[in-house]
Amino acid sequence: MVEQYDITLNTGFRGAKNRPKRRNKESDNAWYYLGLAGQIGYIVAIPIAGGAILGSLVDHRFGIYPKGSLIGIVTGFVISTAGFVHVIREIIQKRK
């Protein structure tokens, strides 16, 4: 790793200090958006899959096949939609 230094010479040698590293804005944005994509993926997938699994368990437990699965999937879809809208609103407000 190469470190860069700024040297100040006025009336004598004042010393050397570390130069702050410059951040690459483009790579920071790339990681930010990759993180958002992953977050949105989990927000959409987990509630729908969880609703389907819980609905299937309810179906087998009470013998009401396909009602429990359908209710679980629809509930998961509603939760996913609400979470997706929440994340998108945060993104829009952050850009303002």
Protein backbone atom coordinates (compact mmCIF):
# COMPACT_ATOMS: atom_id res chain seq x y z
CA MET A 1 0.00 0.00 0.00
CA VAL A 2 1.44 3.35 -1.03
CA GLU A 3 0.90 6.27 1.32
CA GLN A 4 1.03 9.83 0.06
CA TYR A 5 2.23 12.74 2.17
CA ASP A 6 1.94 16.51 1.96
CA ILE A 7 5.11 18.31 3.05
CA THR A 8 4.89 21.93 4.13
CA LEU A 9 8.05 24.06 3.82
CA ASN A 10 7.67 27.63 5.05
CA THR A 11 10.34 28.92 7.40
CA GLY A 12 11.69 25.48 7.92
CA PHE A 13 10.66 21.86 7.89
CA ARG A 14 7.26 21.68 9.56
CA GLY A 15 6.77 17.99 9.13
CA ALA A 16 4.79 15.62 7.03
CA LYS A 17 1.22 14.59 7.52
CA ASN A 18 -0.92 11.91 5.93
CA ARG A 19 -2.96 13.10 3.00
CA PRO A 20 -6.60 12.03 3.33
CA LYS A 21 -7.58 9.34 0.88
CA ARG A 22 -9.88 10.36 -1.89
CA ARG A 23 -12.96 8.25 -2.19
CA ASN A 24 -14.20 7.04 -5.50
CA LYS A 25 -17.81 8.22 -5.67
CA GLU A 26 -18.71 5.89 -8.54
CA SER A 27 -17.62 2.73 -6.71
CA ASP A 28 -19.38 3.92 -3.53
CA ASN A 29 -22.60 4.36 -5.50
CA ALA A 30 -22.21 0.92 -7.06
CA TRP A 31 -21.95 -0.75 -3.65
CA TYR A 32 -24.85 1.31 -2.36
CA TYR A 33 -27.11 0.22 -5.21
CA LEU A 34 -26.01 -3.41 -4.96
CA GLY A 35 -26.94 -3.30 -1.28
CA LEU A 36 -30.33 -1.83 -2.12
CA ALA A 37 -30.95 -4.52 -4.72
CA GLY A 38 -30.21 -7.20 -2.13
CA GLN A 39 -32.38 -5.51 0.46
CA ILE A 40 -35.31 -5.25 -1.95
CA GLY A 41 -34.83 -8.89 -2.93
CA TYR A 42 -35.12 -10.02 0.67
CA ILE A 43 -38.04 -7.70 1.36
CA VAL A 44 -39.94 -9.26 -1.53
CA ALA A 45 -38.90 -12.91 -1.25
CA ILE A 46 -38.99 -13.63 2.49
CA PRO A 47 -42.63 -12.65 3.24
CA ILE A 48 -44.00 -14.43 0.16
CA ALA A 49 -42.03 -17.62 0.84
CA GLY A 50 -42.85 -17.46 4.55
CA GLY A 51 -46.54 -16.99 3.79
CA ALA A 52 -46.52 -19.96 1.44
CA ILE A 53 -44.76 -22.19 3.96
CA LEU A 54 -46.99 -21.16 6.86
CA GLY A 55 -50.07 -21.50 4.67
CA SER A 56 -49.00 -24.99 3.68
CA LEU A 57 -48.54 -25.93 7.33
CA VAL A 58 -52.01 -24.59 8.13
CA ASP A 59 -53.43 -26.56 5.20
CA HIS A 60 -51.95 -29.82 6.44
CA ARG A 61 -52.85 -29.14 10.06
CA PHE A 62 -56.53 -28.26 9.49
CA GLY A 63 -57.17 -30.02 6.16
CA ILE A 64 -58.27 -26.87 4.32
CA TYR A 65 -56.08 -27.22 1.23
CA PRO A 66 -55.56 -24.57 -0.82
CA LYS A 67 -57.19 -21.89 1.35
CA GLY A 68 -54.33 -21.59 3.86
CA SER A 69 -51.67 -21.47 1.16
CA LEU A 70 -53.53 -18.83 -0.82
CA ILE A 71 -54.15 -16.68 2.25
CA GLY A 72 -50.46 -17.00 3.22
CA ILE A 73 -49.23 -16.07 -0.25
CA VAL A 74 -51.58 -13.08 -0.52
CA THR A 75 -50.59 -11.89 2.96
CA GLY A 76 -46.92 -12.25 2.06
CA PHE A 77 -47.51 -10.31 -1.15
CA VAL A 78 -49.17 -7.45 0.75
CA ILE A 79 -46.31 -7.32 3.27
CA SER A 80 -43.76 -7.41 0.44
CA THR A 81 -45.50 -4.59 -1.40
CA ALA A 82 -45.58 -2.44 1.74
CA GLY A 83 -41.88 -3.07 2.40
CA PHE A 84 -40.96 -2.35 -1.22
CA VAL A 85 -42.87 0.96 -1.18
CA HIS A 86 -41.18 1.91 2.10
CA VAL A 87 -37.67 1.32 0.69
CA ILE A 88 -38.46 3.20 -2.53
CA ARG A 89 -39.76 6.18 -0.53
CA GLU A 90 -36.54 6.22 1.50
CA ILE A 91 -34.49 6.24 -1.71
CA ILE A 92 -36.53 9.09 -3.18
CA GLN A 93 -36.27 11.18 -0.01
CA LYS A 94 -32.53 10.56 0.23
CA ARG A 95 -32.01 11.87 -3.33
CA LYS A 96 -33.81 15.16 -2.63
